[in-house]
Amino acid sequence: MPSVSVELVAVATITLLAVMSPGPDFAFVVRQCLMRGPRAGYLGAVGIGLGIAVHVSYTLLGFGLLMAQHAWLIEVIRYLGAAYLIWLGLGAFLPSRGQGDPVETVEDSQRRSGDAWLLWQGVLCNALNPKAMLFIVALFSQVVSSSTALSVQVGYGLFIALAHVAWFALLTRLVATRGMQRRLQSFGRVLDKVVGACLVGLGIRMATSG
């Protein structure tokens, strides 16, 4: 049986490698920052952390393995997640109320989007990602020993969630720097469409992958 310290190192290493891998969450946070400013990016980061907490919660309650063993349930989550990513991505190609680049319309965009909705977008982006679900289930079933105290497992889950929040908050901070904002003023709209296309592509890939 591995010691808690060995488990912690393993959980921390795997988590950091996973959270830094580009994926739907990464593209989602970047687009939030482009269209609605850093506040939306930070709220999205917290939402992603809450999405991870959802996966951790049902895994610790014993439902994670049960869900993973039912292929139809994974398929439902996969198609819902794919549809959500495609919907998010298509937003980059729909006509907006204002003109100009995304940076110039941040205040108007924030007025049209409440904090609660911005937060829930992050939750849905992660909670509807079957890869995030399988990652958490695999981590707690293959890396964390079943004999590890529940309080320690909860601590692992809290660390994983906070690691996601910290990473995507850092990403938001980098996108929101003054130098980056100056660059966005020249090609922000094009970049938004590129990120939107990436979200659509990720959604299609999620829908077509087994």
Protein backbone atom coordinates (compact mmCIF):
# COMPACT_ATOMS: atom_id res chain seq x y z
CA MET A 1 0.00 0.00 0.00
CA PRO A 2 1.55 3.34 -1.04
CA SER A 3 2.04 5.95 1.65
CA VAL A 4 0.06 9.17 1.62
CA SER A 5 3.17 11.15 0.66
CA VAL A 6 3.81 8.93 -2.37
CA GLU A 7 0.15 9.16 -3.35
CA LEU A 8 0.20 12.93 -3.01
CA VAL A 9 3.23 13.24 -5.28
CA ALA A 10 1.59 10.97 -7.84
CA VAL A 11 -1.73 12.82 -7.68
CA ALA A 12 -0.02 16.22 -7.88
CA THR A 13 2.19 15.23 -10.82
CA ILE A 14 -0.61 13.66 -12.84
CA THR A 15 -2.94 16.57 -12.09
CA LEU A 16 -0.45 19.23 -13.15
CA LEU A 17 0.34 17.40 -16.38
CA ALA A 18 -3.36 16.98 -17.14
CA VAL A 19 -4.42 20.54 -16.30
CA MET A 20 -1.70 22.07 -18.52
CA SER A 21 -2.67 19.96 -21.53
CA PRO A 22 -4.54 22.09 -24.10
CA GLY A 23 -8.18 21.12 -24.41
CA PRO A 24 -11.75 22.42 -24.23
CA ASP A 25 -11.20 24.19 -20.90
CA PHE A 26 -8.17 26.03 -22.28
CA ALA A 27 -10.00 27.22 -25.40
CA PHE A 28 -13.06 28.15 -23.34
CA VAL A 29 -11.12 30.38 -20.92
CA VAL A 30 -9.21 32.10 -23.72
CA ARG A 31 -12.44 32.92 -25.55
CA GLN A 32 -14.07 34.20 -22.36
CA CYS A 33 -11.15 36.57 -21.87
CA LEU A 34 -11.25 37.72 -25.49
CA MET A 35 -14.98 38.43 -25.54
CA ARG A 36 -15.83 39.45 -21.99
CA GLY A 37 -12.58 40.44 -20.30
CA PRO A 38 -10.55 39.02 -17.40
CA ARG A 39 -13.46 38.88 -14.96
CA ALA A 40 -15.19 36.36 -17.22
CA GLY A 41 -11.96 34.39 -17.45
CA TYR A 42 -11.62 34.22 -13.67
CA LEU A 43 -15.25 33.19 -13.27
CA GLY A 44 -14.75 30.55 -15.95
CA ALA A 45 -11.69 29.25 -14.08
CA VAL A 46 -13.72 28.92 -10.87
CA GLY A 47 -16.47 27.20 -12.84
CA ILE A 48 -14.00 24.68 -14.22
CA GLY A 49 -12.80 23.97 -10.69
CA LEU A 50 -16.41 23.41 -9.61
CA GLY A 51 -16.85 21.04 -12.55
CA ILE A 52 -13.88 19.03 -11.30
CA ALA A 53 -15.45 19.05 -7.83
CA VAL A 54 -18.59 17.50 -9.34
CA HIS A 55 -16.54 14.64 -10.83
CA VAL A 56 -14.67 14.15 -7.57
CA SER A 57 -17.87 14.15 -5.50
CA TYR A 58 -19.68 11.39 -7.35
CA THR A 59 -16.44 9.40 -7.61
CA LEU A 60 -15.91 9.50 -3.84
CA LEU A 61 -19.56 8.56 -3.34
CA GLY A 62 -18.97 5.40 -5.35
CA PHE A 63 -20.83 6.39 -8.50
CA GLY A 64 -17.74 7.05 -10.63
CA LEU A 65 -16.89 3.45 -11.45
CA LEU A 66 -20.58 2.66 -11.89
CA MET A 67 -20.91 5.44 -14.45
CA ALA A 68 -17.72 4.43 -16.24
CA GLN A 69 -19.02 0.86 -16.60
CA HIS A 70 -22.16 2.00 -18.43
CA ALA A 71 -21.15 2.90 -21.97
CA TRP A 72 -24.51 4.49 -22.78
CA LEU A 73 -24.09 7.03 -19.99
CA ILE A 74 -20.63 7.98 -21.23
CA GLU A 75 -22.14 8.39 -24.70
CA VAL A 76 -24.85 10.72 -23.40
CA ILE A 77 -22.28 12.88 -21.60
CA ARG A 78 -20.06 12.85 -24.68
CA TYR A 79 -22.77 14.07 -27.03
CA LEU A 80 -24.00 16.70 -24.57
CA GLY A 81 -20.45 17.95 -24.11
CA ALA A 82 -19.82 17.97 -27.87
CA ALA A 83 -23.02 19.93 -28.51
CA TYR A 84 -22.07 22.43 -25.81
CA LEU A 85 -18.56 23.00 -27.21
CA ILE A 86 -19.92 23.44 -30.74
CA TRP A 87 -22.50 25.92 -29.44
CA LEU A 88 -19.79 27.89 -27.64
CA GLY A 89 -17.56 27.90 -30.70
CA LEU A 90 -20.27 28.97 -33.12
CA GLY A 91 -20.79 32.07 -30.98
CA ALA A 92 -17.57 33.44 -32.48
CA PHE A 93 -19.14 33.45 -35.94
CA LEU A 94 -22.51 34.95 -35.04
CA PRO A 95 -23.03 38.69 -35.57
CA SER A 96 -22.50 40.75 -32.42
CA ARG A 97 -24.29 43.93 -31.39
CA GLY A 98 -21.18 46.02 -31.39
CA GLN A 99 -18.48 46.63 -33.93
CA GLY A 100 -14.72 46.35 -33.65
CA ASP A 101 -12.56 43.94 -31.76
CA PRO A 102 -13.56 41.99 -28.63
CA VAL A 103 -11.47 44.14 -26.30
CA GLU A 104 -13.50 47.25 -27.18
CA THR A 105 -16.83 45.60 -26.31
CA VAL A 106 -15.89 44.03 -22.97
CA GLU A 107 -18.13 46.27 -20.84
CA ASP A 108 -21.18 45.79 -23.08
CA SER A 109 -20.58 42.04 -23.14
CA GLN A 110 -20.28 41.85 -19.36
CA ARG A 111 -23.57 43.73 -18.96
CA ARG A 112 -25.26 41.14 -21.20
CA SER A 113 -23.79 38.21 -19.26
CA GLY A 114 -24.37 37.84 -15.53
CA ASP A 115 -21.71 36.45 -13.25
CA ALA A 116 -23.80 33.38 -12.47
CA TRP A 117 -24.09 32.46 -16.14
CA LEU A 118 -20.37 33.02 -16.75
CA LEU A 119 -19.65 30.73 -13.80
CA TRP A 120 -22.05 28.05 -15.03
CA GLN A 121 -20.49 28.08 -18.48
CA GLY A 122 -17.22 26.97 -16.87
CA VAL A 123 -18.98 24.30 -14.83
CA LEU A 124 -20.72 22.89 -17.90
CA CYS A 125 -17.58 23.00 -20.03
CA ASN A 126 -15.80 20.70 -17.59
CA ALA A 127 -18.68 18.66 -16.16
CA LEU A 128 -19.84 17.63 -19.66
CA ASN A 129 -16.35 16.54 -20.69
CA PRO A 130 -16.21 12.71 -20.49
CA LYS A 131 -12.41 12.82 -20.55
CA ALA A 132 -12.42 14.86 -17.34
CA MET A 133 -14.81 12.37 -15.81
CA LEU A 134 -12.70 9.35 -16.80
CA PHE A 135 -9.53 11.13 -15.63
CA ILE A 136 -10.93 11.60 -12.13
CA VAL A 137 -12.36 8.07 -11.96
CA ALA A 138 -9.07 6.56 -13.15
CA LEU A 139 -7.03 8.68 -10.75
CA PHE A 140 -9.04 7.65 -7.70
CA SER A 141 -9.35 4.00 -8.72
CA GLN A 142 -5.81 3.34 -9.93
CA VAL A 143 -3.56 5.83 -8.13
CA VAL A 144 -5.33 6.42 -4.83
CA SER A 145 -5.57 3.36 -2.59
CA SER A 146 -9.03 2.27 -1.44
CA SER A 147 -7.63 2.15 2.09
CA THR A 148 -6.70 5.84 2.05
CA ALA A 149 -8.78 7.78 4.57
CA LEU A 150 -11.80 9.56 3.10
CA SER A 151 -10.60 12.88 4.54
CA VAL A 152 -7.31 12.47 2.64
CA GLN A 153 -9.17 11.61 -0.56
CA VAL A 154 -11.31 14.72 -0.12
CA GLY A 155 -8.07 16.66 0.28
CA TYR A 156 -6.80 15.21 -2.99
CA GLY A 157 -10.02 16.25 -4.68
CA LEU A 158 -9.75 19.76 -3.28
CA PHE A 159 -6.17 20.00 -4.54
CA ILE A 160 -7.17 18.85 -8.03
CA ALA A 161 -10.01 21.39 -8.19
CA LEU A 162 -7.85 24.25 -6.89
CA ALA A 163 -5.04 23.33 -9.30
CA HIS A 164 -7.48 23.78 -12.18
CA VAL A 165 -8.70 27.11 -10.82
CA ALA A 166 -5.12 28.36 -10.31
CA TRP A 167 -3.93 27.31 -13.76
CA PHE A 168 -6.81 28.87 -15.65
CA ALA A 169 -6.69 31.99 -13.47
CA LEU A 170 -3.02 32.28 -14.43
CA LEU A 171 -3.96 31.84 -18.09
CA THR A 172 -6.54 34.61 -17.68
CA ARG A 173 -3.92 36.85 -16.09
CA LEU A 174 -1.54 36.28 -19.00
CA VAL A 175 -4.21 37.05 -21.60
CA ALA A 176 -5.26 40.16 -19.65
CA THR A 177 -1.79 41.72 -19.45
CA ARG A 178 -1.47 45.20 -20.95
CA GLY A 179 0.91 44.02 -23.65
CA MET A 180 -1.40 41.21 -24.66
CA GLN A 181 -4.39 43.56 -24.72
CA ARG A 182 -2.53 45.88 -27.10
CA ARG A 183 -1.87 42.97 -29.42
CA LEU A 184 -5.50 41.88 -29.22
CA GLN A 185 -6.64 45.31 -30.39
CA SER A 186 -5.11 44.57 -33.79
CA PHE A 187 -6.22 40.97 -34.36
CA GLY A 188 -8.55 40.12 -31.48
CA ARG A 189 -11.57 39.43 -33.72
CA VAL A 190 -9.56 37.05 -35.90
CA LEU A 191 -8.16 35.28 -32.84
CA ASP A 192 -11.67 34.94 -31.41
CA LYS A 193 -12.77 33.18 -34.60
CA VAL A 194 -9.72 30.92 -34.46
CA VAL A 195 -10.51 29.95 -30.86
CA GLY A 196 -14.16 29.51 -31.79
CA ALA A 197 -13.16 27.20 -34.64
CA CYS A 198 -11.00 25.24 -32.19
CA LEU A 199 -14.01 24.81 -29.88
CA VAL A 200 -16.15 23.61 -32.78
CA GLY A 201 -13.38 21.24 -33.85
CA LEU A 202 -13.02 19.89 -30.32
CA GLY A 203 -16.79 19.39 -30.15
CA ILE A 204 -16.85 17.50 -33.46
CA ARG A 205 -13.89 15.39 -32.36
CA MET A 206 -15.62 14.61 -29.06
CA ALA A 207 -18.81 13.61 -30.88
CA THR A 208 -17.05 11.35 -33.37
CA SER A 209 -14.53 9.71 -31.03
CA GLY A 210 -15.50 6.49 -29.28
